[in-house]
Every structure is written in structure tokens, then in C-alpha cells.
């Protein structure tokens, strides 16, 4: 989020694409409970990642798209980004979710 906020959106997405986005369930999984929360992705003052259509793919990897589609409950950003967020999520819905080790 911070890298994107500083103008490094492509680099932030490259890092996210290469990163494991959840706990592995191993003893060396040391991120702690705050390491895997998604709230920072939706911080109002940092819209740079959300403003990019690749955001839907990231959210699909996290399982958020599956929840939004099933529940019909969408985040506030659905009406704030400069693209059709719901359509982007529909297209991203077949993206494999991150496999968490628990």
C-alpha cells in the first residue's frame, strides 16, 4: 500500500504477485495476526491500488471476490474506483485463491 501510495503501483503489484498472501501453518510463519488482515487495502487515504483494475485479481486471490459475489455485499470502493469494479471482480472470480496452511 505504501509503495503504491508513493507512485510505485506497478512495483507494488509485482511484489504482491510474488508474495504468499496468507499464513502457511508452519512454525516459521512469523507474520503474526495483523500480517494477514486486509483492512489496509481499503484505507480511504490510499486509493492507488484500488484505482487499478488489477485490484480485483488481488482481492480474488484473497477470497474477497468470492465473498462479495456470494453475499452481494460490496466494499465502498465499488462505487469509487475509475472502472467497473463489480465487472472486474466477475472476470477475476476464476482466479485461484491463496491456499492457506490451516
N, C-alpha and C. Protein backbone atom coordinates (compact mmCIF):
# COMPACT_ATOMS: atom_id res chain seq x y z
N UNK A 1 0.82 -1.18 0.00
CA UNK A 1 0.00 0.00 0.00
C UNK A 1 0.87 1.25 0.00
N UNK A 2 1.89 1.25 0.83
CA UNK A 2 2.73 2.44 0.93
C UNK A 2 3.52 2.68 -0.35
N UNK A 3 4.02 1.62 -0.95
CA UNK A 3 4.76 1.77 -2.21
C UNK A 3 3.84 2.35 -3.29
N UNK A 4 2.63 1.83 -3.39
CA UNK A 4 1.68 2.34 -4.38
C UNK A 4 1.34 3.79 -4.09
N UNK A 5 1.19 4.12 -2.83
CA UNK A 5 0.86 5.50 -2.43
C UNK A 5 1.97 6.46 -2.86
N UNK A 6 3.20 5.96 -2.91
CA UNK A 6 4.34 6.78 -3.31
C UNK A 6 4.55 6.78 -4.83
N UNK A 7 3.62 6.16 -5.57
CA UNK A 7 3.70 6.17 -7.03
C UNK A 7 4.26 4.91 -7.65
N UNK A 8 4.54 3.91 -6.86
CA UNK A 8 5.13 2.67 -7.35
C UNK A 8 4.06 1.58 -7.47
N UNK A 9 3.00 1.87 -8.20
CA UNK A 9 1.87 0.94 -8.31
C UNK A 9 2.29 -0.36 -8.99
N UNK A 10 3.00 -0.28 -10.11
CA UNK A 10 3.42 -1.50 -10.80
C UNK A 10 4.32 -2.34 -9.92
N UNK A 11 5.22 -1.70 -9.20
CA UNK A 11 6.13 -2.43 -8.31
C UNK A 11 5.36 -3.08 -7.16
N UNK A 12 4.35 -2.39 -6.65
CA UNK A 12 3.54 -2.95 -5.57
C UNK A 12 2.79 -4.19 -6.05
N UNK A 13 2.24 -4.13 -7.26
CA UNK A 13 1.55 -5.31 -7.80
C UNK A 13 2.53 -6.43 -8.10
N UNK A 14 3.73 -6.12 -8.55
CA UNK A 14 4.74 -7.16 -8.79
C UNK A 14 5.10 -7.85 -7.48
N UNK A 15 5.24 -7.08 -6.42
CA UNK A 15 5.55 -7.66 -5.11
C UNK A 15 4.40 -8.53 -4.62
N UNK A 16 3.17 -8.05 -4.78
CA UNK A 16 2.01 -8.83 -4.36
C UNK A 16 1.89 -10.12 -5.16
N UNK A 17 2.17 -10.05 -6.46
CA UNK A 17 2.10 -11.25 -7.30
C UNK A 17 3.10 -12.31 -6.86
N UNK A 18 4.24 -11.87 -6.36
CA UNK A 18 5.29 -12.80 -5.96
C UNK A 18 5.17 -13.26 -4.51
N UNK A 19 4.31 -12.63 -3.74
CA UNK A 19 4.24 -12.90 -2.31
C UNK A 19 3.19 -13.95 -1.96
N UNK A 20 3.46 -14.66 -0.90
CA UNK A 20 2.44 -15.51 -0.29
C UNK A 20 1.57 -14.57 0.52
N UNK A 21 0.26 -14.64 0.33
CA UNK A 21 -0.63 -13.66 0.94
C UNK A 21 -1.35 -14.16 2.19
N UNK A 22 -0.93 -15.27 2.72
CA UNK A 22 -1.57 -15.77 3.93
C UNK A 22 -0.66 -16.68 4.69
N UNK A 23 -1.10 -17.10 5.86
CA UNK A 23 -0.26 -17.96 6.71
C UNK A 23 -0.06 -19.33 6.08
N UNK A 24 1.09 -19.91 6.37
CA UNK A 24 1.41 -21.22 5.81
C UNK A 24 1.09 -22.35 6.78
N UNK A 25 0.89 -22.01 8.05
CA UNK A 25 0.60 -23.03 9.04
C UNK A 25 1.84 -23.70 9.60
N UNK A 26 3.01 -23.18 9.26
CA UNK A 26 4.26 -23.73 9.75
C UNK A 26 4.77 -22.92 10.94
N UNK A 27 5.67 -23.50 11.71
CA UNK A 27 6.22 -22.83 12.88
C UNK A 27 6.97 -21.56 12.50
N UNK A 28 7.52 -21.49 11.29
CA UNK A 28 8.28 -20.32 10.88
C UNK A 28 7.39 -19.22 10.30
N UNK A 29 6.10 -19.37 10.39
CA UNK A 29 5.15 -18.38 9.92
C UNK A 29 5.05 -17.29 11.00
N UNK A 30 5.85 -16.25 10.85
CA UNK A 30 6.02 -15.29 11.94
C UNK A 30 5.39 -13.93 11.69
N UNK A 31 4.48 -13.82 10.74
CA UNK A 31 3.86 -12.53 10.44
C UNK A 31 3.00 -12.03 11.60
N UNK A 32 2.45 -12.92 12.38
CA UNK A 32 1.57 -12.51 13.47
C UNK A 32 0.16 -12.25 12.96
N UNK A 33 -0.76 -12.00 13.87
CA UNK A 33 -2.17 -11.89 13.49
C UNK A 33 -2.48 -10.68 12.60
N UNK A 34 -1.73 -9.61 12.72
CA UNK A 34 -2.01 -8.43 11.90
C UNK A 34 -1.43 -8.52 10.50
N UNK A 35 -0.55 -9.46 10.27
CA UNK A 35 0.12 -9.57 8.98
C UNK A 35 -0.79 -9.97 7.84
N UNK A 36 -1.94 -10.54 8.14
CA UNK A 36 -2.80 -11.07 7.09
C UNK A 36 -4.16 -10.37 7.01
N UNK A 37 -4.32 -9.29 7.69
CA UNK A 37 -5.58 -8.55 7.64
C UNK A 37 -5.61 -7.67 6.41
N UNK A 38 -6.79 -7.52 5.84
CA UNK A 38 -6.92 -6.80 4.57
C UNK A 38 -7.38 -5.35 4.73
N UNK A 39 -7.58 -4.89 5.95
CA UNK A 39 -8.13 -3.54 6.17
C UNK A 39 -7.29 -2.45 5.49
N UNK A 40 -5.99 -2.59 5.49
CA UNK A 40 -5.13 -1.56 4.90
C UNK A 40 -5.41 -1.39 3.41
N UNK A 41 -5.85 -2.44 2.75
CA UNK A 41 -6.17 -2.35 1.32
C UNK A 41 -7.30 -1.37 1.05
N UNK A 42 -8.11 -1.11 2.06
CA UNK A 42 -9.30 -0.27 1.88
C UNK A 42 -9.20 1.07 2.60
N UNK A 43 -7.99 1.44 3.02
CA UNK A 43 -7.80 2.72 3.70
C UNK A 43 -8.12 3.86 2.73
N UNK A 44 -9.04 4.71 3.13
CA UNK A 44 -9.55 5.77 2.24
C UNK A 44 -8.44 6.68 1.72
N UNK A 45 -7.44 6.93 2.51
CA UNK A 45 -6.39 7.88 2.11
C UNK A 45 -5.36 7.28 1.15
N UNK A 46 -5.48 5.99 0.85
CA UNK A 46 -4.53 5.33 -0.05
C UNK A 46 -5.28 4.55 -1.13
N UNK A 47 -5.85 5.23 -2.12
CA UNK A 47 -6.66 4.55 -3.13
C UNK A 47 -5.88 3.99 -4.32
N UNK A 48 -4.58 4.14 -4.33
CA UNK A 48 -3.81 3.84 -5.55
C UNK A 48 -3.95 2.40 -6.02
N UNK A 49 -3.87 1.41 -5.13
CA UNK A 49 -4.04 0.02 -5.57
C UNK A 49 -5.48 -0.23 -6.01
N UNK A 50 -6.44 0.31 -5.28
CA UNK A 50 -7.85 0.11 -5.63
C UNK A 50 -8.20 0.75 -6.96
N UNK A 51 -7.56 1.84 -7.30
CA UNK A 51 -7.86 2.54 -8.55
C UNK A 51 -7.35 1.82 -9.79
N UNK A 52 -6.63 0.75 -9.61
CA UNK A 52 -6.08 -0.04 -10.70
C UNK A 52 -6.92 -1.30 -10.86
N UNK A 53 -7.35 -1.63 -12.07
CA UNK A 53 -8.18 -2.83 -12.26
C UNK A 53 -7.54 -4.14 -11.77
N UNK A 54 -6.23 -4.17 -11.60
CA UNK A 54 -5.58 -5.37 -11.06
C UNK A 54 -5.99 -5.65 -9.62
N UNK A 55 -6.59 -4.65 -8.98
CA UNK A 55 -7.03 -4.83 -7.60
C UNK A 55 -8.01 -5.99 -7.46
N UNK A 56 -8.88 -6.16 -8.45
CA UNK A 56 -9.86 -7.25 -8.40
C UNK A 56 -9.15 -8.61 -8.38
N UNK A 57 -8.07 -8.76 -9.12
CA UNK A 57 -7.32 -10.02 -9.12
C UNK A 57 -6.69 -10.29 -7.76
N UNK A 58 -6.15 -9.25 -7.15
CA UNK A 58 -5.57 -9.38 -5.82
C UNK A 58 -6.65 -9.81 -4.82
N UNK A 59 -7.81 -9.17 -4.90
CA UNK A 59 -8.91 -9.50 -3.99
C UNK A 59 -9.42 -10.92 -4.23
N UNK A 60 -9.38 -11.37 -5.47
CA UNK A 60 -9.79 -12.74 -5.77
C UNK A 60 -8.83 -13.73 -5.12
N UNK A 61 -7.54 -13.46 -5.17
CA UNK A 61 -6.55 -14.33 -4.53
C UNK A 61 -6.80 -14.42 -3.03
N UNK A 62 -7.29 -13.35 -2.44
CA UNK A 62 -7.55 -13.31 -1.01
C UNK A 62 -8.89 -13.91 -0.63
N UNK A 63 -9.72 -14.26 -1.60
CA UNK A 63 -11.03 -14.81 -1.32
C UNK A 63 -12.12 -13.76 -1.13
N UNK A 64 -11.76 -12.49 -1.25
CA UNK A 64 -12.73 -11.42 -1.05
C UNK A 64 -13.78 -11.39 -2.16
N UNK A 65 -13.35 -11.58 -3.40
CA UNK A 65 -14.28 -11.56 -4.53
C UNK A 65 -15.34 -12.64 -4.36
N UNK A 66 -14.93 -13.81 -3.94
CA UNK A 66 -15.88 -14.89 -3.72
C UNK A 66 -16.95 -14.46 -2.69
N UNK A 67 -16.52 -13.82 -1.63
CA UNK A 67 -17.47 -13.35 -0.61
C UNK A 67 -18.40 -12.29 -1.18
N UNK A 68 -17.85 -11.31 -1.89
CA UNK A 68 -18.68 -10.23 -2.43
C UNK A 68 -19.72 -10.76 -3.41
N UNK A 69 -19.31 -11.67 -4.27
CA UNK A 69 -20.24 -12.22 -5.25
C UNK A 69 -21.34 -13.05 -4.58
N UNK A 70 -20.96 -13.84 -3.59
CA UNK A 70 -21.93 -14.70 -2.91
C UNK A 70 -22.89 -13.91 -2.03
N UNK A 71 -22.38 -12.88 -1.38
CA UNK A 71 -23.20 -12.13 -0.41
C UNK A 71 -23.93 -10.94 -1.01
N UNK A 72 -23.38 -10.42 -2.12
CA UNK A 72 -23.93 -9.18 -2.67
C UNK A 72 -23.55 -7.96 -1.86
N UNK A 73 -22.69 -8.13 -0.88
CA UNK A 73 -22.20 -7.02 -0.04
C UNK A 73 -20.86 -6.58 -0.60
N UNK A 74 -20.83 -5.37 -1.13
CA UNK A 74 -19.63 -4.86 -1.80
C UNK A 74 -18.95 -3.81 -0.94
N UNK A 75 -17.64 -3.70 -1.07
CA UNK A 75 -16.93 -2.65 -0.33
C UNK A 75 -17.27 -1.27 -0.91
N UNK A 76 -17.04 -0.25 -0.11
CA UNK A 76 -17.32 1.12 -0.56
C UNK A 76 -16.60 1.46 -1.86
N UNK A 77 -15.42 0.90 -2.05
CA UNK A 77 -14.64 1.25 -3.24
C UNK A 77 -15.32 0.83 -4.53
N UNK A 78 -16.33 -0.04 -4.46
CA UNK A 78 -17.02 -0.49 -5.68
C UNK A 78 -17.60 0.68 -6.45
N UNK A 79 -18.00 1.72 -5.75
CA UNK A 79 -18.56 2.88 -6.42
C UNK A 79 -17.61 4.06 -6.51
N UNK A 80 -16.36 3.85 -6.12
CA UNK A 80 -15.41 4.97 -6.06
C UNK A 80 -14.27 4.87 -7.06
N UNK A 81 -14.02 3.68 -7.58
CA UNK A 81 -12.87 3.49 -8.47
C UNK A 81 -13.22 3.92 -9.90
N UNK A 82 -12.21 4.23 -10.72
CA UNK A 82 -12.47 4.72 -12.08
C UNK A 82 -12.72 3.62 -13.12
N UNK A 83 -13.19 2.47 -12.70
CA UNK A 83 -13.51 1.37 -13.61
C UNK A 83 -14.70 0.62 -13.01
N UNK A 84 -15.27 -0.29 -13.75
CA UNK A 84 -16.41 -1.07 -13.27
C UNK A 84 -15.88 -2.17 -12.35
N UNK A 85 -15.88 -1.89 -11.06
CA UNK A 85 -15.31 -2.78 -10.06
C UNK A 85 -16.02 -4.12 -10.04
N UNK A 86 -17.34 -4.11 -10.07
CA UNK A 86 -18.08 -5.37 -9.99
C UNK A 86 -17.81 -6.24 -11.22
N UNK A 87 -17.73 -5.64 -12.39
CA UNK A 87 -17.41 -6.40 -13.60
C UNK A 87 -16.00 -6.96 -13.53
N UNK A 88 -15.06 -6.19 -13.00
CA UNK A 88 -13.68 -6.67 -12.86
C UNK A 88 -13.63 -7.85 -11.89
N UNK A 89 -14.43 -7.80 -10.84
CA UNK A 89 -14.49 -8.91 -9.90
C UNK A 89 -15.10 -10.15 -10.55
N UNK A 90 -16.14 -9.95 -11.34
CA UNK A 90 -16.73 -11.08 -12.07
C UNK A 90 -15.68 -11.76 -12.95
N UNK A 91 -14.90 -10.95 -13.66
CA UNK A 91 -13.86 -11.51 -14.54
C UNK A 91 -12.77 -12.22 -13.74
N UNK A 92 -12.51 -11.74 -12.53
CA UNK A 92 -11.45 -12.31 -11.70
C UNK A 92 -11.91 -13.49 -10.86
N UNK A 93 -13.18 -13.81 -10.91
CA UNK A 93 -13.74 -14.81 -10.00
C UNK A 93 -13.15 -16.21 -10.18
N UNK A 94 -12.54 -16.51 -11.32
CA UNK A 94 -11.94 -17.83 -11.51
C UNK A 94 -10.46 -17.86 -11.11
N UNK A 95 -9.95 -16.74 -10.62
CA UNK A 95 -8.57 -16.69 -10.12
C UNK A 95 -8.45 -17.61 -8.91
N UNK A 96 -7.47 -18.51 -8.90
CA UNK A 96 -7.32 -19.39 -7.73
C UNK A 96 -7.04 -18.59 -6.47
N UNK A 97 -7.70 -18.99 -5.38
CA UNK A 97 -7.48 -18.35 -4.09
C UNK A 97 -6.17 -18.88 -3.51
N UNK A 98 -5.59 -18.07 -2.67
CA UNK A 98 -4.37 -18.45 -1.97
C UNK A 98 -4.69 -19.66 -1.07
N UNK A 99 -3.86 -20.69 -1.10
CA UNK A 99 -4.06 -21.87 -0.25
C UNK A 99 -3.38 -21.63 1.09
N UNK A 100 -4.16 -21.52 2.13
CA UNK A 100 -3.60 -21.28 3.45
C UNK A 100 -3.39 -22.63 4.14
N UNK A 101 -2.34 -22.72 4.94
CA UNK A 101 -1.94 -23.98 5.54
C UNK A 101 -2.64 -24.33 6.84
N UNK A 102 -3.91 -24.02 6.95
CA UNK A 102 -4.63 -24.45 8.16
C UNK A 102 -6.05 -24.78 7.81
